[in-house]
Protein backbone atom coordinates (compact mmCIF):
# COMPACT_ATOMS: atom_id res chain seq x y z
CA MET A 1 -49.52 -67.22 158.45
CA GLU A 2 -48.19 -65.14 155.62
CA ALA A 3 -44.08 -63.51 156.12
CA PRO A 4 -44.39 -59.94 155.36
CA THR A 5 -42.08 -58.43 151.88
CA SER A 6 -39.47 -56.12 151.46
CA THR A 7 -37.16 -54.67 149.99
CA PRO A 8 -33.67 -53.66 150.49
CA ALA A 9 -32.18 -50.72 149.93
CA GLY A 10 -30.66 -49.96 147.11
CA ASN A 11 -30.29 -51.49 143.87
CA PRO A 12 -30.92 -55.27 144.09
CA ASN A 13 -29.70 -55.68 141.03
CA GLY A 14 -26.51 -55.32 143.23
CA THR A 15 -24.85 -52.06 140.84
CA ASN A 16 -24.13 -48.80 142.27
CA ASN A 17 -26.99 -46.55 143.09
CA ALA A 18 -25.74 -44.73 145.75
CA GLN A 19 -25.73 -41.34 146.06
CA ASN A 20 -22.40 -39.08 146.29
CA VAL A 21 -22.52 -38.04 149.07
CA THR A 22 -19.14 -35.50 150.40
CA VAL A 23 -18.96 -36.23 154.05
CA PRO A 24 -16.24 -33.87 156.21
CA VAL A 25 -13.07 -35.15 157.82
CA MET A 26 -13.32 -38.41 156.52
CA GLN A 27 -14.10 -41.07 154.70
CA GLU A 28 -16.50 -42.24 152.60
CA ASN A 29 -16.62 -45.44 150.09
CA THR A 30 -20.51 -45.81 148.03
CA ASN A 31 -18.85 -49.45 146.32
CA ASN A 32 -21.48 -52.30 145.62
CA GLY A 33 -19.61 -54.91 146.49
CA SER A 34 -15.86 -53.97 146.03
CA ALA A 35 -13.20 -53.70 149.15
CA PRO A 36 -12.26 -50.09 150.23
CA GLN A 37 -8.32 -49.46 150.30
CA PRO A 38 -7.44 -50.73 153.03
CA THR A 39 -5.37 -47.27 155.01
CA SER A 40 -2.58 -47.15 155.30
CA THR A 41 -0.56 -47.91 158.84
CA THR A 42 3.23 -46.44 159.66
CA PRO A 43 5.77 -49.47 158.97
CA ASN A 44 7.37 -47.45 162.62
CA GLY A 45 5.68 -48.29 164.98
CA ILE A 46 4.39 -45.88 167.13
CA SER A 47 5.62 -41.63 167.60
CA ALA A 48 5.91 -40.59 170.83
CA ASP A 49 2.94 -38.36 170.56
CA GLU A 50 0.88 -41.44 170.58
CA ILE A 51 3.10 -43.25 173.08
CA ALA A 52 1.73 -39.90 175.13
CA LEU A 53 -1.62 -40.08 174.69
CA TYR A 54 -2.36 -43.84 174.75
CA ASP A 55 -0.14 -43.74 177.69
CA ARG A 56 -2.75 -45.31 180.24
CA GLN A 57 -3.99 -47.80 178.00
CA ILE A 58 0.02 -48.76 177.06
CA ARG A 59 -0.07 -49.78 180.26
CA LEU A 60 -2.30 -51.68 180.44
CA TRP A 61 -1.91 -53.79 177.85
CA GLY A 62 1.71 -53.22 176.59
CA LEU A 63 2.99 -51.08 173.53
CA LYS A 64 3.05 -54.79 171.41
CA ALA A 65 -0.54 -54.35 171.93
CA GLN A 66 -0.80 -50.95 172.01
CA GLU A 67 0.80 -51.14 167.42
CA SER A 68 -1.32 -54.43 166.58
CA ILE A 69 -4.95 -51.58 168.21
CA ARG A 70 -2.93 -48.81 165.95
CA ASN A 71 -2.81 -50.88 163.07
CA ALA A 72 -6.07 -52.61 163.18
CA ASN A 73 -8.98 -51.69 160.45
CA ILE A 74 -12.15 -52.48 161.32
CA LEU A 75 -15.89 -52.58 160.11
CA LEU A 76 -19.17 -52.35 162.40
CA ILE A 77 -22.39 -52.66 160.92
CA THR A 78 -25.32 -50.69 161.36
CA MET A 79 -24.93 -47.61 163.33
CA LYS A 80 -27.19 -47.57 166.57
CA ALA A 81 -27.55 -47.29 170.11
CA LEU A 82 -25.14 -49.97 170.69
CA ALA A 83 -22.87 -49.55 166.75
CA ASN A 84 -22.63 -45.99 169.20
CA GLU A 85 -20.65 -47.84 172.38
CA ILE A 86 -18.63 -49.81 170.52
CA ALA A 87 -16.92 -46.95 168.43
CA LYS A 88 -16.76 -45.49 170.81
CA ASN A 89 -15.01 -47.87 173.05
CA LEU A 90 -12.31 -49.24 169.83
CA VAL A 91 -11.71 -45.13 168.51
CA LEU A 92 -10.55 -43.53 171.50
CA ALA A 93 -8.52 -47.10 172.14
CA GLY A 94 -6.96 -45.84 168.73
CA ILE A 95 -7.34 -48.05 166.05
CA ASN A 96 -5.87 -47.54 162.13
CA SER A 97 -9.62 -47.24 161.30
CA LEU A 98 -13.31 -47.59 160.96
CA THR A 99 -16.09 -48.30 158.47
CA ILE A 100 -18.95 -47.88 159.28
CA CYS A 101 -22.00 -48.97 156.54
CA ASP A 102 -25.49 -48.41 157.11
CA HIS A 103 -27.80 -47.59 153.95
CA SER A 104 -31.18 -45.76 157.04
CA PRO A 105 -31.86 -42.93 157.65
CA VAL A 106 -32.41 -42.01 161.06
CA THR A 107 -35.69 -41.55 162.46
CA PRO A 108 -37.28 -39.36 165.31
CA ALA A 109 -36.04 -43.50 167.61
CA ASP A 110 -33.05 -42.61 167.27
CA LEU A 111 -32.45 -38.86 168.47
CA THR A 112 -33.94 -40.60 171.78
CA SER A 113 -30.62 -43.57 171.62
CA GLN A 114 -27.15 -42.19 170.32
CA PHE A 115 -24.97 -39.89 171.62
CA PHE A 116 -22.74 -39.17 168.77
CA LEU A 117 -26.20 -37.36 167.21
CA PRO A 118 -26.95 -33.83 167.15
CA SER A 119 -30.46 -33.26 169.55
CA ASP A 120 -32.29 -31.49 166.87
CA PRO A 121 -34.62 -32.88 164.16
CA SER A 122 -31.38 -31.90 161.52
CA PRO A 123 -30.34 -35.65 160.82
CA ILE A 124 -33.43 -37.01 160.82
CA GLY A 125 -34.29 -38.59 157.13
CA THR A 126 -30.32 -38.18 156.56
CA ASN A 127 -27.94 -41.83 156.78
CA ARG A 128 -27.71 -42.57 159.64
CA ALA A 129 -23.57 -43.10 159.29
CA ILE A 130 -23.28 -39.53 157.42
CA ALA A 131 -25.21 -38.03 160.81
CA ALA A 132 -23.17 -39.81 162.81
CA SER A 133 -19.30 -39.89 161.21
CA THR A 134 -18.71 -35.79 162.68
CA ASN A 135 -19.06 -36.72 166.14
CA ILE A 136 -17.09 -39.93 166.25
CA GLN A 137 -14.01 -38.45 163.96
CA ARG A 138 -14.46 -35.27 166.64
CA LEU A 139 -13.65 -38.24 169.73
CA ASN A 140 -9.95 -39.39 167.86
CA PRO A 141 -8.42 -37.37 164.87
CA ARG A 142 -5.95 -40.40 164.37
CA VAL A 143 -8.54 -43.27 163.27
CA LYS A 144 -9.88 -42.78 159.62
CA ILE A 145 -13.52 -42.23 159.92
CA ASN A 146 -14.95 -44.01 156.28
CA ILE A 147 -18.71 -44.53 155.74
CA ASP A 148 -20.34 -46.09 153.32
CA THR A 149 -23.50 -46.31 152.94
CA PHE A 150 -24.89 -49.16 150.71
CA ASP A 151 -26.59 -51.70 151.80
CA ILE A 152 -24.67 -54.82 153.67
CA ARG A 153 -26.59 -57.66 152.34
CA LEU A 154 -26.25 -56.14 148.35
CA LYS A 155 -21.66 -56.21 149.03
CA ASN A 156 -19.88 -59.71 147.29
CA PRO A 157 -18.07 -61.13 149.88
CA SER A 158 -14.49 -59.69 148.74
CA TYR A 159 -15.73 -56.28 150.36
CA PHE A 160 -14.95 -57.82 153.28
CA SER A 161 -11.09 -59.15 152.88
CA ALA A 162 -10.22 -55.50 153.33
CA PHE A 163 -11.27 -55.65 157.37
CA ASP A 164 -9.22 -57.68 160.21
CA ILE A 165 -12.18 -57.62 162.04
CA VAL A 166 -16.00 -57.68 161.37
CA ILE A 167 -18.51 -56.08 164.07
CA ALA A 168 -22.30 -57.04 163.13
CA THR A 169 -25.33 -54.86 165.03
CA ASP A 170 -28.55 -55.78 165.00
CA LEU A 171 -29.28 -57.03 161.77
CA ASP A 172 -31.72 -60.16 161.84
CA ALA A 173 -30.51 -63.79 161.84
CA PRO A 174 -30.32 -64.76 158.09
CA THR A 175 -28.20 -61.73 157.98
CA LEU A 176 -26.30 -63.03 160.14
CA ASN A 177 -25.51 -66.21 158.34
CA ILE A 178 -24.69 -64.66 155.13
CA ILE A 179 -22.37 -62.15 156.43
CA ASN A 180 -20.24 -64.60 159.50
CA THR A 181 -19.65 -66.80 155.74
CA ALA A 182 -18.36 -64.39 154.04
CA THR A 183 -15.77 -63.11 156.63
CA ARG A 184 -14.87 -67.28 157.38
CA LEU A 185 -14.64 -67.23 153.50
CA ASN A 186 -11.75 -64.51 153.88
CA ASN A 187 -10.55 -65.54 156.77
CA ARG A 188 -11.85 -62.60 159.18
CA LYS A 189 -12.12 -62.32 163.03
CA PHE A 190 -16.79 -61.98 162.64
CA TYR A 191 -18.84 -60.39 166.16
CA ALA A 192 -22.55 -60.48 166.05
CA ALA A 193 -24.03 -58.65 168.61
CA GLY A 194 -27.09 -57.39 169.43
CA SER A 195 -30.25 -55.25 171.94
CA HIS A 196 -34.01 -55.43 172.91
CA GLY A 197 -34.75 -53.17 176.25
CA MET A 198 -33.61 -54.91 178.38
CA TYR A 199 -31.27 -57.38 177.24
CA GLY A 200 -29.33 -58.85 173.95
CA PHE A 201 -26.17 -60.44 173.66
CA VAL A 202 -22.63 -60.86 171.41
CA PHE A 203 -21.44 -63.87 169.10
CA SER A 204 -18.25 -64.03 168.41
CA ASP A 205 -16.59 -66.20 165.62
CA LEU A 206 -12.93 -66.03 165.82
CA ILE A 207 -12.49 -68.98 163.50
CA GLU A 208 -9.21 -69.62 165.18
CA HIS A 209 -6.79 -67.31 168.18
CA ASP A 210 -3.85 -67.83 169.49
CA PHE A 211 -2.97 -65.66 172.77
CA ILE A 212 -0.55 -65.67 175.14
CA ILE A 213 -0.95 -65.36 178.70
CA SER A 214 1.60 -64.50 181.58
CA ARG A 215 1.19 -66.14 185.26
CA ALA A 216 3.27 -67.72 187.77
CA ILE A 217 5.10 -70.42 186.84
CA SER A 218 3.97 -73.98 189.33
CA ASN A 219 4.70 -76.88 190.73
CA VAL A 220 3.07 -79.23 187.79
CA PRO A 221 4.90 -78.51 185.04
CA THR A 222 1.90 -76.91 181.92
CA SER A 223 1.14 -79.94 180.05
CA VAL A 224 1.01 -79.17 175.97
CA GLY A 225 -2.58 -80.34 174.56
CA ALA A 226 -6.05 -79.88 175.00
CA GLU A 227 -7.46 -78.01 178.13
CA SER A 228 -11.41 -78.02 177.61
CA PRO A 229 -12.91 -79.26 174.50
CA THR A 230 -12.07 -75.60 172.76
CA ARG A 231 -8.80 -74.48 173.99
CA SER A 232 -5.70 -76.27 173.54
CA VAL A 233 -2.06 -75.21 174.99
CA LEU A 234 0.28 -75.26 172.30
CA SER A 235 3.52 -73.97 173.89
CA SER A 236 5.24 -72.16 177.68
CA SER A 237 8.10 -71.00 177.72
CA PRO A 238 9.94 -68.41 181.08
CA SER A 239 8.90 -64.97 180.69
CA PRO A 240 12.68 -63.41 179.88
CA ASN A 241 11.08 -60.64 182.49
CA ASP A 242 11.53 -62.02 185.01
CA PRO A 243 11.71 -65.60 186.34
CA ASN A 244 9.23 -66.80 188.15
CA LEU A 245 7.17 -66.06 185.25
CA GLU A 246 5.81 -68.28 182.73
CA LEU A 247 4.03 -67.36 179.09
CA VAL A 248 1.45 -70.17 177.72
CA THR A 249 0.26 -70.01 174.45
CA LYS A 250 -3.16 -70.69 173.87
CA ARG A 251 -5.57 -71.21 170.76
CA GLU A 252 -8.95 -71.16 170.36
CA LEU A 253 -11.48 -72.67 168.01
CA PHE A 254 -14.51 -71.13 167.45
CA SER A 255 -17.97 -72.00 165.17
CA THR A 256 -20.40 -70.82 162.85
CA TRP A 257 -23.24 -68.44 163.93
CA LEU A 258 -25.50 -71.09 161.71
CA LEU A 259 -23.81 -73.55 163.77
CA ALA A 260 -23.10 -71.64 167.43
CA SER A 261 -26.97 -70.34 167.25
CA SER A 262 -28.30 -73.98 167.18
CA SER A 263 -25.46 -75.90 168.92
CA PRO A 264 -26.48 -77.97 172.44
CA LEU A 265 -25.31 -76.05 176.09
CA PRO A 266 -22.41 -77.73 176.90
CA SER A 267 -21.96 -80.87 178.39
CA ASP A 268 -20.79 -80.54 181.95
CA ILE A 269 -23.68 -78.28 182.46
CA LEU A 270 -26.50 -80.39 180.47
CA LYS A 271 -25.08 -83.00 183.41
CA SER A 272 -25.54 -80.44 186.05
CA PRO A 273 -29.57 -79.71 187.02
CA ARG A 274 -28.84 -77.05 189.05
CA ARG A 275 -26.77 -75.48 186.31
CA ARG A 276 -29.76 -76.40 183.88
CA LYS A 277 -31.00 -73.74 186.49
CA VAL A 278 -29.41 -71.04 187.01
CA VAL A 279 -29.14 -71.28 182.95
CA THR A 280 -31.30 -67.44 181.74
CA PRO A 281 -34.02 -67.92 179.19
CA ILE A 282 -33.09 -65.43 177.94
CA LEU A 283 -31.10 -67.81 175.74
CA SER A 284 -34.04 -69.52 174.93
CA CYS A 285 -35.99 -66.27 173.71
CA LEU A 286 -33.34 -65.08 171.55
CA ARG A 287 -33.07 -68.26 169.67
CA GLY A 288 -36.94 -68.33 169.22
CA LEU A 289 -36.54 -64.85 167.80
CA TRP A 290 -33.63 -66.07 165.48
CA GLU A 291 -35.72 -69.14 164.56
CA PHE A 292 -38.33 -66.36 164.07
CA GLU A 293 -36.59 -64.23 161.92
CA THR A 294 -35.67 -66.96 159.70
CA ARG A 295 -38.06 -68.39 159.01
CA PHE A 296 -40.45 -65.45 159.05
CA GLY A 297 -38.25 -63.09 157.45
CA CYS A 298 -39.23 -60.44 160.53
CA GLN A 299 -39.85 -59.75 164.14
CA PRO A 300 -43.11 -60.55 165.93
CA ASN A 301 -45.69 -58.71 165.96
CA PRO A 302 -47.11 -57.93 169.23
CA ASN A 303 -51.01 -56.85 168.21
CA ASP A 304 -50.78 -59.82 166.55
CA LYS A 305 -52.10 -62.79 167.69
CA ALA A 306 -51.39 -65.85 165.21
CA GLN A 307 -47.35 -64.35 165.82
CA LEU A 308 -47.75 -64.30 169.71
CA ALA A 309 -48.06 -67.45 169.57
CA GLN A 310 -45.71 -69.10 166.66
CA PHE A 311 -43.46 -67.25 168.73
CA THR A 312 -43.92 -68.89 172.40
CA ILE A 313 -44.26 -72.03 170.54
CA LEU A 314 -40.96 -71.49 169.01
CA CYS A 315 -39.15 -70.53 172.70
CA GLY A 316 -40.27 -73.60 174.24
CA GLU A 317 -38.66 -74.75 171.13
CA GLN A 318 -35.90 -74.06 171.73
CA HIS A 319 -35.86 -73.65 175.32
CA LYS A 320 -36.70 -78.38 175.36
CA ALA A 321 -33.72 -78.25 172.18
CA LEU A 322 -31.38 -76.68 174.96
CA GLY A 323 -32.38 -79.31 177.53
CA LEU A 324 -33.03 -77.04 180.63
CA PRO A 325 -36.23 -77.40 182.63
CA ALA A 326 -39.38 -76.49 182.02
CA GLU A 327 -40.58 -74.49 185.04
CA THR A 328 -37.84 -71.48 183.94
CA LEU A 329 -39.37 -70.76 180.50
CA ARG A 330 -42.53 -68.05 181.98
CA SER A 331 -45.13 -66.76 180.64
CA GLU A 332 -43.92 -63.61 182.30
CA THR A 333 -40.16 -63.46 181.31
CA LEU A 334 -41.88 -64.01 177.52
CA ARG A 335 -44.42 -60.82 178.27
CA ALA A 336 -41.17 -59.12 178.56
CA PHE A 337 -38.95 -60.22 176.19
CA LEU A 338 -41.56 -59.82 174.17
CA GLY A 339 -42.41 -55.78 175.13
CA ASN A 340 -38.07 -55.15 174.89
CA ILE A 341 -37.42 -56.44 170.99
CA GLY A 342 -36.18 -53.09 168.95
CA GLY A 343 -36.02 -51.65 171.95
CA GLU A 344 -32.28 -49.95 173.40
CA VAL A 345 -31.45 -48.96 177.18
CA ALA A 346 -28.21 -47.29 177.82
CA PRO A 347 -27.28 -48.73 180.10
CA VAL A 348 -27.78 -52.10 178.42
CA VAL A 349 -26.30 -51.26 175.12
CA ALA A 350 -22.81 -49.52 177.63
CA VAL A 351 -22.87 -52.91 178.82
CA LEU A 352 -22.78 -54.93 175.83
CA GLY A 353 -20.73 -52.03 173.75
CA GLY A 354 -17.81 -53.34 176.21
CA GLN A 355 -17.73 -55.92 176.60
CA LEU A 356 -17.23 -56.51 172.86
CA ALA A 357 -15.49 -53.53 172.04
CA GLN A 358 -12.48 -54.73 174.90
CA ASP A 359 -12.72 -58.04 173.17
CA VAL A 360 -12.12 -56.91 170.16
CA ILE A 361 -8.57 -54.76 171.75
CA ASN A 362 -7.87 -58.14 173.61
CA VAL A 363 -7.94 -60.28 170.47
CA LEU A 364 -5.96 -57.84 168.84
CA GLY A 365 -3.07 -56.92 171.68
CA ARG A 366 -3.37 -61.04 171.53
CA THR A 367 -2.50 -61.74 175.06
CA GLN A 368 -6.20 -62.36 177.00
CA GLN A 369 -8.50 -65.07 176.87
CA PRO A 370 -11.69 -63.98 173.60
CA ILE A 371 -15.52 -64.04 174.37
CA GLN A 372 -16.58 -67.99 174.12
CA ASN A 373 -18.45 -67.65 172.24
CA PHE A 374 -21.70 -66.34 173.57
CA VAL A 375 -22.27 -63.97 175.95
CA VAL A 376 -26.39 -63.36 176.95
CA PHE A 377 -27.14 -60.40 178.29
CA ASP A 378 -30.27 -60.00 181.32
CA GLY A 379 -30.69 -56.69 182.54
CA GLU A 380 -34.13 -57.60 184.73
CA ARG A 381 -31.32 -59.82 186.46
CA MET A 382 -28.07 -57.54 185.88
CA GLU A 383 -26.63 -61.29 184.61
CA ALA A 384 -23.94 -61.21 182.31
CA GLY A 385 -23.79 -65.26 181.54
CA VAL A 386 -21.10 -66.52 179.04
CA TYR A 387 -21.74 -69.96 177.20
CA ALA A 388 -19.52 -71.64 174.14
CA LEU A 389 -22.10 -73.48 172.20
CA HIS A 390 -20.74 -75.35 169.99
CA PRO A 391 -22.23 -78.87 167.32
CA LYS A 392 -21.38 -82.20 170.26
CA GLU A 393 -19.40 -83.73 166.58
CA GLY A 394 -17.00 -82.51 164.12
CA GLU A 395 -13.89 -79.78 162.92
CA LEU A 396 -14.15 -76.32 164.56
CA GLY A 397 -11.96 -73.15 163.84
CA ARG A 398 -10.54 -73.93 160.10
CA GLY A 399 -12.25 -77.33 159.79
CA LEU A 400 -15.88 -75.70 159.64
CA LEU A 401 -14.95 -73.41 156.76
CA PRO A 402 -12.10 -74.68 154.12
CA ILE A 403 -10.94 -71.52 153.98
CA SER A 404 -8.03 -73.25 151.62
CA GLY A 405 -9.90 -75.36 149.94
CA GLY A 406 -8.76 -74.51 146.43
CA GLN A 407 -9.93 -71.18 143.63
CA GLN A 408 -12.70 -73.08 143.01
CA GLN A 409 -14.32 -74.20 145.72
CA GLN A 410 -14.14 -70.66 147.16
CA GLN A 411 -15.95 -69.08 144.28
CA GLN A 412 -18.69 -71.18 143.78
CA GLN A 413 -19.05 -70.86 147.60
CA GLN A 414 -19.39 -66.12 147.12
CA GLN A 415 -21.86 -67.10 144.21
CA GLN A 416 -24.02 -69.00 146.02
CA ILE A 417 -24.01 -66.25 149.05
CA GLN A 418 -24.25 -63.57 146.29
CA THR A 419 -27.91 -65.52 144.78
CA GLY A 420 -29.55 -66.01 148.61
CA ALA A 421 -27.52 -69.34 149.60
CA VAL A 422 -25.21 -69.82 152.49
CA VAL A 423 -22.81 -72.51 152.27
CA VAL A 424 -22.07 -74.71 155.86
CA VAL A 425 -19.55 -77.45 155.42
CA GLY A 426 -18.60 -78.43 159.21
CA GLY A 427 -18.70 -81.89 159.97
CA ASP A 428 -20.14 -85.00 160.32
CA GLY A 429 -23.28 -82.65 162.35
CA VAL A 430 -25.88 -80.51 161.31
CA GLY A 431 -23.75 -78.49 157.90
CA LYS A 432 -22.46 -80.61 156.41
CA GLY A 433 -22.32 -80.30 152.60
CA GLU A 434 -25.51 -77.65 152.63
CA VAL A 435 -26.59 -75.15 151.09
CA ILE A 436 -29.63 -73.44 152.95
CA ASN A 437 -31.86 -71.16 150.36
CA LEU A 438 -32.77 -68.32 152.27
CA ASP A 439 -35.17 -67.40 150.39
């Protein structure tokens, strides 16, 4: 079976060949590879008008967290139904700027799934990000909306340095791998998400994230040190506002997309036959889909028997690699998943987009436990399982990719990303010093 070939939109040589389109009430960026200038922020804190506007959420997560949200510059890649939900929640929360990067045109199918697009056929054929931007801006005029119409796959790694958080939606697995490696090189937090009809996922790579929780003081003193393979307590201190509370600072360590998407389930799940039985088989289906995309450069065609057979084999292999019982991956599950690939269902994207946007807000405010590190949503069962998927051996966090490993090393890594190769530096497990060519 031959993999179909596709040519990315834009100039394959990497030069700026995007059309210069005037976008009302917002800024457009069509530079290929160059980082956009971060939007200026007011250093004097939140104004009285903003306090009044965001009063309800300030009461929920505090003024300091709102200030962090107000200063955040976020990149959102691919403007489909899932990204609509994410954009809505982040813009209403009052971030500083949202840059939407999407080179694709609006299709008739987009009109039925995206609420930021006009209901009439007029936007068909126009750029998807530009078509949605006017209605996004109307949600909150205080947020700066930037539009980038160039293909994200042709960006230089330095492009991502201008953003605090990068969110990639509805992209294939190799592209997510490339973007995540670039965010790691620039020490930027990364989210990936995708929806397939009744199913979907959210992934986070925050590299290393510190947060503070407030809790009642226990009779047992809080111990500094490891709480789990990914989480540790850094310090604890009495709350200055309540003598019965303590402030505990914790740190979470994360893995890259490449390693997390191929890592085993946590040992506490694998040791329990009961817990292994309740792991959703949709995780195996998603990993089978990502493997199919990596090998063949496309999604399986339901009308192609050879592709369906290969996809079924890959799902079975992934299910076995996860250590899950064979009987939990049923043929009807595979058929249902195949029938949903590429689909967009409003309630499903609302759940996924809301959960991702809420986690972004929590990460910016640093007052809540973040997603660690995969959420798999099964709309048939109305379940959203959270799985911490990491390599069994080797370092996590910054140790997976040497962000501060020297200018020459970083330049070499960035050149390999631009030529279609991804560098993954890890511990003793898979990926140590390995260059994986995606061509």
